[in-house]
Amino acid sequence: MKVAIITGASRGFGREIAKALVNEGWTVVIDARDASALEAAATELRELAGSPERVRAIPGDVGDPEHRHRLAEAAAELGGLDLLVNNASVLGPSPQPTLADYPLDVLADVYRVNTLAPVGLIQETLGALRSSSGVIVNVTSDAAIEGY
């Protein structure tokens, strides 16, 4: 049984990745900040899987080191880790301000979630991924298409 961690899996691309993997027989560990949206996604995935044991939902913020540790522990409890999908992100203000006008506290949070958290989760899971010759997929935003 292959195991994946997918962050930001309560909606959008993360949820679709989780559905595709569950349909292929994978076990998934999913997360999102919004616990109720995550539980709705988990319910749908458990129905697809035909087994509640194949879907582990852990609400929280990937920017939190304790949360990242819980995700890694869940994968280990399920047998290891074959795939890490770093999909969770925050966009920041919309419309995006220029850097000259970007509030530094907000920019720090964007970097905490979008840059540091994926690296932290990779560090937390690298041993398990190496053991399984696993794969890391880092998803980025299309907001990088043009300069702000």
Foldseek 3Di string as FASTA:
>chain_A
DAEEEFEPCLDDPNLVVLQVVLLVVAQYEYEEQDVVSQVVSLVVSCVSNVHSRSYHYDYDALLDLVSLLVSLVSCVVVPFHAEYELDDFDDFDPPDDAPVPHPPVRVVVRCSRQPVSVVSSCVSRVVRNVVNVHDYHYDDDPVVVDHD
